[in-house]
C-alpha atoms as a PDB file:
ATOM      1  CA  MET A   1     -22.267   1.966  -1.357  1.00  0.00           C
ATOM      2  CA  LYS A   2     -22.689   5.153  -2.446  1.00  0.00           C
ATOM      3  CA  ASP A   3     -21.171   5.636   0.976  1.00  0.00           C
ATOM      4  CA  PHE A   4     -18.098   4.695   0.295  1.00  0.00           C
ATOM      5  CA  LYS A   5     -17.674   5.727  -3.434  1.00  0.00           C
ATOM      6  CA  ILE A   6     -14.063   8.042  -2.532  1.00  0.00           C
ATOM      7  CA  GLU A   7     -12.732   5.402  -0.143  1.00  0.00           C
ATOM      8  CA  ILE A   8     -13.427   2.452  -3.551  1.00  0.00           C
ATOM      9  CA  LYS A   9     -12.553   6.075  -6.204  1.00  0.00           C
ATOM     10  CA  TRP A  10      -8.489   6.615  -3.599  1.00  0.00           C
ATOM     11  CA  ALA A  11      -7.716   3.094  -3.360  1.00  0.00           C
ATOM     12  CA  VAL A  12      -7.999   2.563  -6.665  1.00  0.00           C
ATOM     13  CA  ILE A  13      -5.638   6.117  -7.095  1.00  0.00           C
ATOM     14  CA  PHE A  14      -3.483   4.437  -4.378  1.00  0.00           C
ATOM     15  CA  SER A  15      -2.989   0.534  -6.303  1.00  0.00           C
ATOM     16  CA  VAL A  16      -2.306   2.909  -9.677  1.00  0.00           C
ATOM     17  CA  VAL A  17       0.052   4.373  -7.762  1.00  0.00           C
ATOM     18  CA  THR A  18       1.395   1.083  -6.644  1.00  0.00           C
ATOM     19  CA  LEU A  19       1.685   0.070 -10.394  1.00  0.00           C
ATOM     20  CA  LEU A  20       3.644   3.138 -11.427  1.00  0.00           C
ATOM     21  CA  TRP A  21       6.520   2.890  -8.600  1.00  0.00           C
ATOM     22  CA  LEU A  22       6.632  -1.318  -8.816  1.00  0.00           C
ATOM     23  CA  VAL A  23       7.840   0.328 -12.860  1.00  0.00           C
ATOM     24  CA  PHE A  24       9.757   2.167 -11.876  1.00  0.00           C
ATOM     25  CA  GLU A  25      11.395   0.690  -9.349  1.00  0.00           C
ATOM     26  CA  LYS A  26      12.110  -1.730 -12.157  1.00  0.00           C
ATOM     27  CA  ILE A  27      13.299   1.067 -14.247  1.00  0.00           C
ATOM     28  CA  ILE A  28      15.605   1.811 -12.350  1.00  0.00           C
ATOM     29  CA  GLY A  29      17.096  -1.630 -11.637  1.00  0.00           C
ATOM     30  CA  LEU A  30      15.967  -2.276  -7.817  1.00  0.00           C
ATOM     31  CA  HIS A  31      14.245  -5.628  -8.863  1.00  0.00           C
ATOM     32  CA  ASP A  32      17.940  -6.912  -9.465  1.00  0.00           C
ATOM     33  CA  GLN A  33      20.669  -5.295  -9.480  1.00  0.00           C
ATOM     34  CA  HIS A  34      20.250  -2.961  -7.181  1.00  0.00           C
ATOM     35  CA  LEU A  35      17.232  -5.466  -4.643  1.00  0.00           C
ATOM     36  CA  ASP A  36      20.670  -4.067  -1.546  1.00  0.00           C
ATOM     37  CA  ASN A  37      19.352  -0.665  -1.918  1.00  0.00           C
ATOM     38  CA  GLN A  38      15.318  -1.752  -2.726  1.00  0.00           C
ATOM     39  CA  MET A  39      14.350  -0.419   1.265  1.00  0.00           C
ATOM     40  CA  ARG A  40      16.702   2.554   0.988  1.00  0.00           C
ATOM     41  CA  TYR A  41      13.446   3.809  -1.626  1.00  0.00           C
ATOM     42  CA  MET A  42      10.678   3.042   1.655  1.00  0.00           C
ATOM     43  CA  ALA A  43      10.340   5.939   3.407  1.00  0.00           C
ATOM     44  CA  ILE A  44       9.761   7.970  -0.213  1.00  0.00           C
ATOM     45  CA  LEU A  45       7.160   5.180  -0.987  1.00  0.00           C
ATOM     46  CA  GLY A  46       5.906   5.827   2.279  1.00  0.00           C
ATOM     47  CA  ILE A  47       5.583   9.707   2.477  1.00  0.00           C
ATOM     48  CA  LEU A  48       3.505   8.915  -0.370  1.00  0.00           C
ATOM     49  CA  TYR A  49       1.125   6.957   0.335  1.00  0.00           C
ATOM     50  CA  PHE A  50       0.289   8.126   3.788  1.00  0.00           C
ATOM     51  CA  ALA A  51      -0.131  11.983   0.943  1.00  0.00           C
ATOM     52  CA  LEU A  52      -2.945   9.473  -1.239  1.00  0.00           C
ATOM     53  CA  TYR A  53      -4.735   8.912   3.051  1.00  0.00           C
ATOM     54  CA  TYR A  54      -4.188  12.339   3.522  1.00  0.00           C
ATOM     55  CA  LEU A  55      -5.781  13.474   0.486  1.00  0.00           C
ATOM     56  CA  GLY A  56      -8.223  10.551  -0.216  1.00  0.00           C
ATOM     57  CA  LEU A  57      -9.295  11.763   3.619  1.00  0.00           C
ATOM     58  CA  ARG A  58      -9.763  15.270   2.425  1.00  0.00           C
ATOM     59  CA  ASP A  59     -11.949  14.569   0.034  1.00  0.00           C
ATOM     60  CA  LYS A  60     -14.208  12.332   1.646  1.00  0.00           C
ATOM     61  CA  LYS A  61     -14.505  15.752   4.411  1.00  0.00           C
ATOM     62  CA  VAL A  62     -15.136  18.388   1.946  1.00  0.00           C
ATOM     63  CA  HIS A  63     -17.264  16.649  -0.558  1.00  0.00           C
ATOM     64  CA  PHE A  64     -19.022  13.688   1.356  1.00  0.00           C
ATOM     65  CA  TYR A  65     -19.469  16.033   4.872  1.00  0.00           C
ATOM     66  CA  GLY A  66     -19.068  19.091   3.542  1.00  0.00           C
ATOM     67  CA  GLY A  67     -15.970  19.952   5.376  1.00  0.00           C
ATOM     68  CA  SER A  68     -16.768  18.980   9.014  1.00  0.00           C
ATOM     69  CA  ILE A  69     -15.621  15.610   9.733  1.00  0.00           C
ATOM     70  CA  ASN A  70     -14.323  13.856  13.508  1.00  0.00           C
ATOM     71  CA  PHE A  71     -12.365  11.446  14.116  1.00  0.00           C
ATOM     72  CA  LYS A  72     -14.379   7.932  14.284  1.00  0.00           C
ATOM     73  CA  GLU A  73     -15.638   9.145  10.671  1.00  0.00           C
ATOM     74  CA  GLY A  74     -12.224   9.738   9.505  1.00  0.00           C
ATOM     75  CA  LEU A  75     -11.370   6.868  11.177  1.00  0.00           C
ATOM     76  CA  LYS A  76     -13.881   3.808   9.056  1.00  0.00           C
ATOM     77  CA  PHE A  77     -13.063   6.243   6.388  1.00  0.00           C
ATOM     78  CA  ALA A  78      -9.238   4.655   6.798  1.00  0.00           C
ATOM     79  CA  LEU A  79     -11.451   1.058   7.585  1.00  0.00           C
ATOM     80  CA  VAL A  80     -13.121   1.634   4.255  1.00  0.00           C
ATOM     81  CA  MET A  81      -9.786   2.101   2.501  1.00  0.00           C
ATOM     82  CA  SER A  82      -7.994   0.386   4.039  1.00  0.00           C
ATOM     83  CA  LEU A  83      -9.883  -3.279   3.397  1.00  0.00           C
ATOM     84  CA  ALA A  84     -10.371  -1.477  -0.092  1.00  0.00           C
ATOM     85  CA  THR A  85      -7.091  -1.268  -1.495  1.00  0.00           C
ATOM     86  CA  ALA A  86      -6.018  -3.678   0.728  1.00  0.00           C
ATOM     87  CA  LEU A  87      -8.204  -6.054  -1.876  1.00  0.00           C
ATOM     88  CA  LEU A  88      -7.253  -4.470  -4.974  1.00  0.00           C
ATOM     89  CA  ALA A  89      -3.192  -5.087  -3.268  1.00  0.00           C
ATOM     90  CA  ILE A  90      -3.212  -8.709  -3.950  1.00  0.00           C
ATOM     91  CA  ILE A  91      -4.270  -7.286  -8.028  1.00  0.00           C
ATOM     92  CA  VAL A  92      -2.193  -5.278  -7.629  1.00  0.00           C
ATOM     93  CA  GLN A  93       0.789  -8.401  -7.137  1.00  0.00           C
ATOM     94  CA  TYR A  94      -0.470 -10.237  -9.361  1.00  0.00           C
ATOM     95  CA  ILE A  95       0.730  -8.091 -12.062  1.00  0.00           C
ATOM     96  CA  PHE A  96       3.893  -6.881 -10.279  1.00  0.00           C
ATOM     97  CA  ILE A  97       4.932 -11.003 -10.342  1.00  0.00           C
ATOM     98  CA  THR A  98       3.900 -11.700 -14.288  1.00  0.00           C
ATOM     99  CA  VAL A  99       4.223  -8.658 -16.056  1.00  0.00           C
ATOM    100  CA  ILE A 100       5.871  -5.959 -14.690  1.00  0.00           C
ATOM    101  CA  SER A 101       8.757  -8.219 -12.833  1.00  0.00           C
ATOM    102  CA  PRO A 102       8.699 -12.037 -13.852  1.00  0.00           C
ATOM    103  CA  GLU A 103      12.344 -12.047 -12.853  1.00  0.00           C
ATOM    104  CA  TYR A 104      11.266 -10.660  -9.252  1.00  0.00           C
ATOM    105  CA  LEU A 105      10.116 -13.490  -7.001  1.00  0.00           C
ATOM    106  CA  PRO A 106      13.914 -15.029  -8.244  1.00  0.00           C
ATOM    107  CA  ASN A 107      16.016 -12.617  -7.590  1.00  0.00           C
ATOM    108  CA  MET A 108      15.330 -11.889  -3.674  1.00  0.00           C
ATOM    109  CA  ILE A 109      15.390 -15.897  -3.416  1.00  0.00           C
ATOM    110  CA  LYS A 110      19.186 -15.791  -4.914  1.00  0.00           C
ATOM    111  CA  TYR A 111      19.788 -12.563  -3.105  1.00  0.00           C
ATOM    112  CA  MET A 112      18.539 -13.515   0.479  1.00  0.00           C
ATOM    113  CA  VAL A 113      20.691 -16.810   0.143  1.00  0.00           C
ATOM    114  CA  ALA A 114      24.302 -14.855  -0.568  1.00  0.00           C
ATOM    115  CA  HIS A 115      23.073 -12.336   1.816  1.00  0.00           C
ATOM    116  CA  GLY A 116      22.779 -15.095   4.216  1.00  0.00           C
ATOM    117  CA  ARG A 117      19.124 -13.931   5.320  1.00  0.00           C
ATOM    118  CA  PHE A 118      17.692 -17.175   4.457  1.00  0.00           C
ATOM    119  CA  ASP A 119      18.606 -20.662   3.634  1.00  0.00           C
ATOM    120  CA  GLN A 120      17.258 -22.055  -0.483  1.00  0.00           C
ATOM    121  CA  LYS A 121      14.536 -24.131   1.159  1.00  0.00           C
ATOM    122  CA  SER A 122      13.017 -21.599   2.982  1.00  0.00           C
ATOM    123  CA  ALA A 123      14.008 -18.955   0.914  1.00  0.00           C
ATOM    124  CA  GLU A 124      11.377 -20.425  -2.191  1.00  0.00           C
ATOM    125  CA  ASN A 125       9.279 -21.706   0.424  1.00  0.00           C
ATOM    126  CA  PHE A 126       8.286 -17.400   1.516  1.00  0.00           C
ATOM    127  CA  TYR A 127       9.088 -15.622  -2.152  1.00  0.00           C
ATOM    128  CA  THR A 128       6.590 -17.420  -3.414  1.00  0.00           C
ATOM    129  CA  MET A 129       2.781 -15.026  -5.251  1.00  0.00           C
ATOM    130  CA  ALA A 130       0.182 -16.097  -3.330  1.00  0.00           C
ATOM    131  CA  ASN A 131       2.492 -15.635  -0.349  1.00  0.00           C
ATOM    132  CA  GLN A 132       3.580 -11.981  -1.053  1.00  0.00           C
ATOM    133  CA  MET A 133      -0.706 -11.565  -2.236  1.00  0.00           C
ATOM    134  CA  LYS A 134      -1.338 -12.037   0.973  1.00  0.00           C
ATOM    135  CA  ASN A 135       2.056 -10.119   2.554  1.00  0.00           C
ATOM    136  CA  SER A 136       1.021  -7.151   0.032  1.00  0.00           C
ATOM    137  CA  ALA A 137      -3.149  -7.014   1.614  1.00  0.00           C
ATOM    138  CA  TYR A 138      -1.674  -7.295   4.951  1.00  0.00           C
ATOM    139  CA  THR A 139       0.567  -4.715   4.962  1.00  0.00           C
ATOM    140  CA  ASN A 140      -2.139  -2.811   3.646  1.00  0.00           C
ATOM    141  CA  LEU A 141      -4.560  -3.416   5.525  1.00  0.00           C
ATOM    142  CA  VAL A 142      -1.980  -2.405   8.461  1.00  0.00           C
ATOM    143  CA  MET A 143      -0.864   0.710   6.733  1.00  0.00           C
ATOM    144  CA  GLY A 144      -3.528   1.992   5.740  1.00  0.00           C
ATOM    145  CA  VAL A 145      -5.701   2.498   9.439  1.00  0.00           C
ATOM    146  CA  PHE A 146      -1.983   3.706  10.986  1.00  0.00           C
ATOM    147  CA  PHE A 147      -2.106   6.323   7.714  1.00  0.00           C
ATOM    148  CA  GLY A 148      -5.598   7.007   7.998  1.00  0.00           C
ATOM    149  CA  ALA A 149      -6.027   7.708  11.347  1.00  0.00           C
ATOM    150  CA  ILE A 150      -3.004   9.919  10.851  1.00  0.00           C
ATOM    151  CA  SER A 151      -5.283  11.861   9.018  1.00  0.00           C
ATOM    152  CA  ALA A 152      -7.562  11.559  10.593  1.00  0.00           C
ATOM    153  CA  ALA A 153      -6.307  13.107  13.758  1.00  0.00           C
ATOM    154  CA  LEU A 154      -4.460  15.652  11.102  1.00  0.00           C
ATOM    155  CA  GLN A 155      -8.334  16.767  10.457  1.00  0.00           C
ATOM    156  CA  LYS A 156     -10.872  15.818  12.257  1.00  0.00           C
ATOM    157  CA  ASN A 157     -12.681  19.675  13.005  1.00  0.00           C
ATOM    158  CA  LYS A 158     -15.433  18.206  15.243  1.00  0.00           C
ATOM    159  CA  GLY A 159     -15.176  16.709  18.984  1.00  0.00           C
ATOM    160  CA  ILE A 160     -15.337  12.699  18.540  1.00  0.00           C
ATOM    161  CA  ASP A 161     -18.707  11.751  18.844  1.00  0.00           C
ATOM    162  CA  SER A 162     -20.754  14.425  17.168  1.00  0.00           C
END
């Protein structure tokens, strides 16, 4: 567990940043009156998430590997941090849906039905807390491995197997 202290630290930072982002979205109306603009902000969030993986790997490189890391070690970091963020995403989604924005799911159902993207029953089946938790965990896992692999490629300074 001591070997993964840095990954867990950065997974917690990632989760706190996500909660702060969700509060920001709530404040500017992306969970109700401006649902149609939500996707426009996703690029900013993606850049922020990449930066967190990059900084986390940099932390691991400097404080665990003594400033020198190979791609395999970087990818291992990404896998562990991604798994930790995926698990924490379940808690983050619960807090989001029950505390930060309890009206989000009903608003999404109304919005998707009104814009013809779902019928009422399909929207109600898709926009549930359980589905949001599952999708968030899966997304964090996939996105983390992707961002982590890019970070590992950018920061490697040893050969693949050394």
